[in-house]
Amino acid sequence: MKLLGKARVENGKVELPANIELEEGALYDVIQMGDDLLLSPPSSPTNRMERIEQLAKESIQMHKKSLEGLAK
């Protein structure tokens, strides 16, 4: 996984970074994991959702360890 940039809410809509190219009108599932939000193609199979959850948890843990190391 990699961070693609920052999104912001403006006039009730989420604006994504310019470097993300998405098809106009495309729909995505918004998945909440704790305080994190993930975008995923709609109607993802269960095993795919489990894999996304696992990858997200691993990424969050690696990021937390990096921040803890920087704080020392």
PDB file of N, CA and C in Angstrom:
ATOM      1  N   MET A   1       0.842  -1.177   0.000  1.00  0.00           N
ATOM      2  CA  MET A   1       0.000   0.000   0.000  1.00  0.00           C
ATOM      3  C   MET A   1       0.879   1.229   0.000  1.00  0.00           C
ATOM      4  N   LYS A   2       0.351   2.321  -0.542  1.00  0.00           N
ATOM      5  CA  LYS A   2       1.082   3.572  -0.476  1.00  0.00           C
ATOM      6  C   LYS A   2       0.104   4.724  -0.356  1.00  0.00           C
ATOM      7  N   LEU A   3       0.547   5.790   0.266  1.00  0.00           N
ATOM      8  CA  LEU A   3      -0.249   6.987   0.428  1.00  0.00           C
ATOM      9  C   LEU A   3      -0.195   7.772  -0.881  1.00  0.00           C
ATOM     10  N   LEU A   4      -1.352   8.111  -1.429  1.00  0.00           N
ATOM     11  CA  LEU A   4      -1.408   8.816  -2.707  1.00  0.00           C
ATOM     12  C   LEU A   4      -1.563  10.320  -2.549  1.00  0.00           C
ATOM     13  N   GLY A   5      -1.804  10.779  -1.356  1.00  0.00           N
ATOM     14  CA  GLY A   5      -1.971  12.204  -1.118  1.00  0.00           C
ATOM     15  C   GLY A   5      -3.077  12.433  -0.113  1.00  0.00           C
ATOM     16  N   LYS A   6      -3.495  13.675  -0.015  1.00  0.00           N
ATOM     17  CA  LYS A   6      -4.536  14.033   0.942  1.00  0.00           C
ATOM     18  C   LYS A   6      -5.818  14.395   0.208  1.00  0.00           C
ATOM     19  N   ALA A   7      -6.937  13.959   0.774  1.00  0.00           N
ATOM     20  CA  ALA A   7      -8.248  14.325   0.263  1.00  0.00           C
ATOM     21  C   ALA A   7      -8.814  15.367   1.215  1.00  0.00           C
ATOM     22  N   ARG A   8      -9.724  16.203   0.710  1.00  0.00           N
ATOM     23  CA  ARG A   8     -10.363  17.171   1.592  1.00  0.00           C
ATOM     24  C   ARG A   8     -11.840  17.262   1.237  1.00  0.00           C
ATOM     25  N   VAL A   9     -12.611  17.692   2.208  1.00  0.00           N
ATOM     26  CA  VAL A   9     -14.049  17.863   2.004  1.00  0.00           C
ATOM     27  C   VAL A   9     -14.295  19.334   1.689  1.00  0.00           C
ATOM     28  N   GLU A  10     -14.954  19.573   0.564  1.00  0.00           N
ATOM     29  CA  GLU A  10     -15.285  20.936   0.169  1.00  0.00           C
ATOM     30  C   GLU A  10     -16.702  20.945  -0.398  1.00  0.00           C
ATOM     31  N   ASN A  11     -17.550  21.794   0.146  1.00  0.00           N
ATOM     32  CA  ASN A  11     -18.959  21.878  -0.273  1.00  0.00           C
ATOM     33  C   ASN A  11     -19.648  20.512  -0.195  1.00  0.00           C
ATOM     34  N   GLY A  12     -19.335  19.745   0.851  1.00  0.00           N
ATOM     35  CA  GLY A  12     -19.982  18.460   1.057  1.00  0.00           C
ATOM     36  C   GLY A  12     -19.477  17.331   0.176  1.00  0.00           C
ATOM     37  N   LYS A  13     -18.429  17.571  -0.607  1.00  0.00           N
ATOM     38  CA  LYS A  13     -17.874  16.541  -1.485  1.00  0.00           C
ATOM     39  C   LYS A  13     -16.403  16.314  -1.138  1.00  0.00           C
ATOM     40  N   VAL A  14     -15.976  15.069  -1.326  1.00  0.00           N
ATOM     41  CA  VAL A  14     -14.578  14.727  -1.074  1.00  0.00           C
ATOM     42  C   VAL A  14     -13.781  14.980  -2.343  1.00  0.00           C
ATOM     43  N   GLU A  15     -12.740  15.791  -2.235  1.00  0.00           N
ATOM     44  CA  GLU A  15     -11.853  16.057  -3.361  1.00  0.00           C
ATOM     45  C   GLU A  15     -10.577  15.256  -3.162  1.00  0.00           C
ATOM     46  N   LEU A  16     -10.251  14.429  -4.152  1.00  0.00           N
ATOM     47  CA  LEU A  16      -9.063  13.581  -4.096  1.00  0.00           C
ATOM     48  C   LEU A  16      -7.885  14.300  -4.742  1.00  0.00           C
ATOM     49  N   PRO A  17      -6.662  13.872  -4.440  1.00  0.00           N
ATOM     50  CA  PRO A  17      -5.490  14.473  -5.071  1.00  0.00           C
ATOM     51  C   PRO A  17      -5.557  14.360  -6.592  1.00  0.00           C
ATOM     52  N   ALA A  18      -4.982  15.312  -7.284  1.00  0.00           N
ATOM     53  CA  ALA A  18      -5.032  15.360  -8.745  1.00  0.00           C
ATOM     54  C   ALA A  18      -4.345  14.165  -9.397  1.00  0.00           C
ATOM     55  N   ASN A  19      -3.387  13.532  -8.702  1.00  0.00           N
ATOM     56  CA  ASN A  19      -2.647  12.424  -9.315  1.00  0.00           C
ATOM     57  C   ASN A  19      -3.428  11.108  -9.331  1.00  0.00           C
ATOM     58  N   ILE A  20      -4.640  11.109  -8.782  1.00  0.00           N
ATOM     59  CA  ILE A  20      -5.485   9.916  -8.797  1.00  0.00           C
ATOM     60  C   ILE A  20      -6.447  10.037  -9.968  1.00  0.00           C
ATOM     61  N   GLU A  21      -6.327   9.128 -10.924  1.00  0.00           N
ATOM     62  CA  GLU A  21      -7.193   9.168 -12.090  1.00  0.00           C
ATOM     63  C   GLU A  21      -8.309   8.135 -11.940  1.00  0.00           C
ATOM     64  N   LEU A  22      -9.534   8.625 -11.825  1.00  0.00           N
ATOM     65  CA  LEU A  22     -10.702   7.769 -11.690  1.00  0.00           C
ATOM     66  C   LEU A  22     -11.685   8.093 -12.806  1.00  0.00           C
ATOM     67  N   GLU A  23     -12.437   7.082 -13.201  1.00  0.00           N
ATOM     68  CA  GLU A  23     -13.445   7.275 -14.237  1.00  0.00           C
ATOM     69  C   GLU A  23     -14.562   8.171 -13.710  1.00  0.00           C
ATOM     70  N   GLU A  24     -14.944   9.161 -14.491  1.00  0.00           N
ATOM     71  CA  GLU A  24     -16.034  10.068 -14.110  1.00  0.00           C
ATOM     72  C   GLU A  24     -17.302   9.271 -13.838  1.00  0.00           C
ATOM     73  N   GLY A  25     -17.936   9.515 -12.700  1.00  0.00           N
ATOM     74  CA  GLY A  25     -19.175   8.843 -12.343  1.00  0.00           C
ATOM     75  C   GLY A  25     -19.001   7.458 -11.751  1.00  0.00           C
ATOM     76  N   ALA A  26     -17.754   6.983 -11.620  1.00  0.00           N
ATOM     77  CA  ALA A  26     -17.508   5.652 -11.053  1.00  0.00           C
ATOM     78  C   ALA A  26     -17.962   5.622  -9.590  1.00  0.00           C
ATOM     79  N   LEU A  27     -18.461   4.472  -9.155  1.00  0.00           N
ATOM     80  CA  LEU A  27     -18.888   4.290  -7.772  1.00  0.00           C
ATOM     81  C   LEU A  27     -17.886   3.421  -7.028  1.00  0.00           C
ATOM     82  N   TYR A  28     -17.674   3.716  -5.763  1.00  0.00           N
ATOM     83  CA  TYR A  28     -16.760   2.951  -4.922  1.00  0.00           C
ATOM     84  C   TYR A  28     -17.418   2.697  -3.591  1.00  0.00           C
ATOM     85  N   ASP A  29     -17.117   1.554  -2.991  1.00  0.00           N
ATOM     86  CA  ASP A  29     -17.523   1.298  -1.618  1.00  0.00           C
ATOM     87  C   ASP A  29     -16.585   2.088  -0.717  1.00  0.00           C
ATOM     88  N   VAL A  30     -17.134   2.674   0.334  1.00  0.00           N
ATOM     89  CA  VAL A  30     -16.320   3.367   1.339  1.00  0.00           C
ATOM     90  C   VAL A  30     -16.327   2.466   2.562  1.00  0.00           C
ATOM     91  N   ILE A  31     -15.141   2.030   2.954  1.00  0.00           N
ATOM     92  CA  ILE A  31     -14.996   1.082   4.057  1.00  0.00           C
ATOM     93  C   ILE A  31     -14.362   1.814   5.234  1.00  0.00           C
ATOM     94  N   GLN A  32     -15.010   1.742   6.398  1.00  0.00           N
ATOM     95  CA  GLN A  32     -14.452   2.372   7.588  1.00  0.00           C
ATOM     96  C   GLN A  32     -13.781   1.308   8.439  1.00  0.00           C
ATOM     97  N   MET A  33     -12.525   1.584   8.780  1.00  0.00           N
ATOM     98  CA  MET A  33     -11.757   0.705   9.672  1.00  0.00           C
ATOM     99  C   MET A  33     -11.215   1.583  10.787  1.00  0.00           C
ATOM    100  N   GLY A  34     -11.879   1.571  11.925  1.00  0.00           N
ATOM    101  CA  GLY A  34     -11.499   2.485  12.989  1.00  0.00           C
ATOM    102  C   GLY A  34     -11.768   3.904  12.509  1.00  0.00           C
ATOM    103  N   ASP A  35     -10.750   4.748  12.541  1.00  0.00           N
ATOM    104  CA  ASP A  35     -10.885   6.120  12.060  1.00  0.00           C
ATOM    105  C   ASP A  35     -10.487   6.260  10.596  1.00  0.00           C
ATOM    106  N   ASP A  36     -10.099   5.164   9.961  1.00  0.00           N
ATOM    107  CA  ASP A  36      -9.628   5.203   8.582  1.00  0.00           C
ATOM    108  C   ASP A  36     -10.752   4.890   7.607  1.00  0.00           C
ATOM    109  N   LEU A  37     -10.720   5.552   6.452  1.00  0.00           N
ATOM    110  CA  LEU A  37     -11.665   5.284   5.375  1.00  0.00           C
ATOM    111  C   LEU A  37     -10.895   4.785   4.163  1.00  0.00           C
ATOM    112  N   LEU A  38     -11.395   3.723   3.546  1.00  0.00           N
ATOM    113  CA  LEU A  38     -10.776   3.151   2.354  1.00  0.00           C
ATOM    114  C   LEU A  38     -11.789   3.144   1.219  1.00  0.00           C
ATOM    115  N   LEU A  39     -11.322   3.362  -0.004  1.00  0.00           N
ATOM    116  CA  LEU A  39     -12.176   3.247  -1.187  1.00  0.00           C
ATOM    117  C   LEU A  39     -11.874   1.918  -1.851  1.00  0.00           C
ATOM    118  N   SER A  40     -12.917   1.231  -2.301  1.00  0.00           N
ATOM    119  CA  SER A  40     -12.755  -0.058  -2.951  1.00  0.00           C
ATOM    120  C   SER A  40     -13.792  -0.175  -4.061  1.00  0.00           C
ATOM    121  N   PRO A  41     -13.460  -0.883  -5.146  1.00  0.00           N
ATOM    122  CA  PRO A  41     -14.484  -1.114  -6.166  1.00  0.00           C
ATOM    123  C   PRO A  41     -15.710  -1.759  -5.521  1.00  0.00           C
ATOM    124  N   PRO A  42     -16.905  -1.438  -6.005  1.00  0.00           N
ATOM    125  CA  PRO A  42     -18.121  -1.959  -5.375  1.00  0.00           C
ATOM    126  C   PRO A  42     -18.272  -3.472  -5.508  1.00  0.00           C
ATOM    127  N   SER A  43     -19.091  -4.013  -4.635  1.00  0.00           N
ATOM    128  CA  SER A  43     -19.436  -5.441  -4.648  1.00  0.00           C
ATOM    129  C   SER A  43     -18.210  -6.339  -4.567  1.00  0.00           C
ATOM    130  N   SER A  44     -17.287  -5.976  -3.713  1.00  0.00           N
ATOM    131  CA  SER A  44     -16.085  -6.787  -3.538  1.00  0.00           C
ATOM    132  C   SER A  44     -16.444  -8.114  -2.884  1.00  0.00           C
ATOM    133  N   PRO A  45     -15.873  -9.216  -3.364  1.00  0.00           N
ATOM    134  CA  PRO A  45     -16.117 -10.508  -2.726  1.00  0.00           C
ATOM    135  C   PRO A  45     -15.608 -10.514  -1.278  1.00  0.00           C
ATOM    136  N   THR A  46     -16.179 -11.347  -0.453  1.00  0.00           N
ATOM    137  CA  THR A  46     -15.816 -11.402   0.962  1.00  0.00           C
ATOM    138  C   THR A  46     -14.329 -11.621   1.165  1.00  0.00           C
ATOM    139  N   ASN A  47     -13.740 -12.559   0.425  1.00  0.00           N
ATOM    140  CA  ASN A  47     -12.318 -12.827   0.647  1.00  0.00           C
ATOM    141  C   ASN A  47     -11.462 -11.614   0.268  1.00  0.00           C
ATOM    142  N   ARG A  48     -11.917 -10.837  -0.687  1.00  0.00           N
ATOM    143  CA  ARG A  48     -11.183  -9.624  -1.047  1.00  0.00           C
ATOM    144  C   ARG A  48     -11.268  -8.618   0.089  1.00  0.00           C
ATOM    145  N   MET A  49     -12.458  -8.498   0.687  1.00  0.00           N
ATOM    146  CA  MET A  49     -12.621  -7.580   1.811  1.00  0.00           C
ATOM    147  C   MET A  49     -11.737  -7.999   2.979  1.00  0.00           C
ATOM    148  N   GLU A  50     -11.639  -9.283   3.227  1.00  0.00           N
ATOM    149  CA  GLU A  50     -10.770  -9.773   4.301  1.00  0.00           C
ATOM    150  C   GLU A  50      -9.317  -9.419   4.006  1.00  0.00           C
ATOM    151  N   ARG A  51      -8.898  -9.568   2.753  1.00  0.00           N
ATOM    152  CA  ARG A  51      -7.524  -9.245   2.364  1.00  0.00           C
ATOM    153  C   ARG A  51      -7.249  -7.753   2.500  1.00  0.00           C
ATOM    154  N   ILE A  52      -8.215  -6.913   2.106  1.00  0.00           N
ATOM    155  CA  ILE A  52      -8.066  -5.459   2.261  1.00  0.00           C
ATOM    156  C   ILE A  52      -7.920  -5.114   3.733  1.00  0.00           C
ATOM    157  N   GLU A  53      -8.750  -5.745   4.564  1.00  0.00           N
ATOM    158  CA  GLU A  53      -8.679  -5.481   6.006  1.00  0.00           C
ATOM    159  C   GLU A  53      -7.315  -5.876   6.566  1.00  0.00           C
ATOM    160  N   GLN A  54      -6.804  -7.030   6.179  1.00  0.00           N
ATOM    161  CA  GLN A  54      -5.513  -7.488   6.663  1.00  0.00           C
ATOM    162  C   GLN A  54      -4.392  -6.556   6.213  1.00  0.00           C
ATOM    163  N   LEU A  55      -4.395  -6.175   4.940  1.00  0.00           N
ATOM    164  CA  LEU A  55      -3.361  -5.268   4.428  1.00  0.00           C
ATOM    165  C   LEU A  55      -3.423  -3.909   5.115  1.00  0.00           C
ATOM    166  N   ALA A  56      -4.627  -3.422   5.342  1.00  0.00           N
ATOM    167  CA  ALA A  56      -4.782  -2.133   6.020  1.00  0.00           C
ATOM    168  C   ALA A  56      -4.253  -2.210   7.449  1.00  0.00           C
ATOM    169  N   LYS A  57      -4.589  -3.272   8.160  1.00  0.00           N
ATOM    170  CA  LYS A  57      -4.099  -3.425   9.531  1.00  0.00           C
ATOM    171  C   LYS A  57      -2.577  -3.492   9.566  1.00  0.00           C
ATOM    172  N   GLU A  58      -1.989  -4.246   8.636  1.00  0.00           N
ATOM    173  CA  GLU A  58      -0.528  -4.344   8.580  1.00  0.00           C
ATOM    174  C   GLU A  58       0.099  -2.985   8.294  1.00  0.00           C
ATOM    175  N   SER A  59      -0.487  -2.248   7.364  1.00  0.00           N
ATOM    176  CA  SER A  59       0.029  -0.933   7.011  1.00  0.00           C
ATOM    177  C   SER A  59      -0.058   0.028   8.193  1.00  0.00           C
ATOM    178  N   ILE A  60      -1.179  -0.004   8.901  1.00  0.00           N
ATOM    179  CA  ILE A  60      -1.354   0.863  10.065  1.00  0.00           C
ATOM    180  C   ILE A  60      -0.344   0.521  11.144  1.00  0.00           C
ATOM    181  N   GLN A  61      -0.125  -0.770  11.399  1.00  0.00           N
ATOM    182  CA  GLN A  61       0.843  -1.184  12.411  1.00  0.00           C
ATOM    183  C   GLN A  61       2.260  -0.745  12.038  1.00  0.00           C
ATOM    184  N   MET A  62       2.633  -0.893  10.765  1.00  0.00           N
ATOM    185  CA  MET A  62       3.968  -0.469  10.323  1.00  0.00           C
ATOM    186  C   MET A  62       4.121   1.043  10.494  1.00  0.00           C
ATOM    187  N   HIS A  63       3.083   1.784  10.179  1.00  0.00           N
ATOM    188  CA  HIS A  63       3.126   3.235  10.313  1.00  0.00           C
ATOM    189  C   HIS A  63       3.261   3.635  11.787  1.00  0.00           C
ATOM    190  N   LYS A  64       2.510   2.968  12.664  1.00  0.00           N
ATOM    191  CA  LYS A  64       2.589   3.263  14.099  1.00  0.00           C
ATOM    192  C   LYS A  64       3.997   2.989  14.623  1.00  0.00           C
ATOM    193  N   LYS A  65       4.605   1.863  14.183  1.00  0.00           N
ATOM    194  CA  LYS A  65       5.958   1.548  14.633  1.00  0.00           C
ATOM    195  C   LYS A  65       6.943   2.584  14.154  1.00  0.00           C
ATOM    196  N   SER A  66       6.769   3.078  12.933  1.00  0.00           N
ATOM    197  CA  SER A  66       7.643   4.126  12.398  1.00  0.00           C
ATOM    198  C   SER A  66       7.529   5.389  13.239  1.00  0.00           C
ATOM    199  N   LEU A  67       6.304   5.767  13.570  1.00  0.00           N
ATOM    200  CA  LEU A  67       6.094   6.974  14.362  1.00  0.00           C
ATOM    201  C   LEU A  67       6.652   6.822  15.776  1.00  0.00           C
ATOM    202  N   GLU A  68       6.480   5.631  16.357  1.00  0.00           N
ATOM    203  CA  GLU A  68       7.035   5.382  17.693  1.00  0.00           C
ATOM    204  C   GLU A  68       8.558   5.474  17.654  1.00  0.00           C
ATOM    205  N   GLY A  69       9.166   4.952  16.602  1.00  0.00           N
ATOM    206  CA  GLY A  69      10.621   5.037  16.463  1.00  0.00           C
ATOM    207  C   GLY A  69      11.087   6.477  16.323  1.00  0.00           C
ATOM    208  N   LEU A  70      10.345   7.286  15.601  1.00  0.00           N
ATOM    209  CA  LEU A  70      10.714   8.699  15.441  1.00  0.00           C
ATOM    210  C   LEU A  70      10.548   9.485  16.739  1.00  0.00           C
ATOM    211  N   ALA A  71       9.605   9.061  17.575  1.00  0.00           N
ATOM    212  CA  ALA A  71       9.334   9.758  18.826  1.00  0.00           C
ATOM    213  C   ALA A  71      10.419   9.527  19.880  1.00  0.00           C
ATOM    214  N   LYS A  72      11.240   8.487  19.675  1.00  0.00           N
ATOM    215  CA  LYS A  72      12.278   8.164  20.683  1.00  0.00           C
ATOM    216  C   LYS A  72      13.475   9.067  20.554  1.00  0.00           C
TER     217      LYS A  72
END
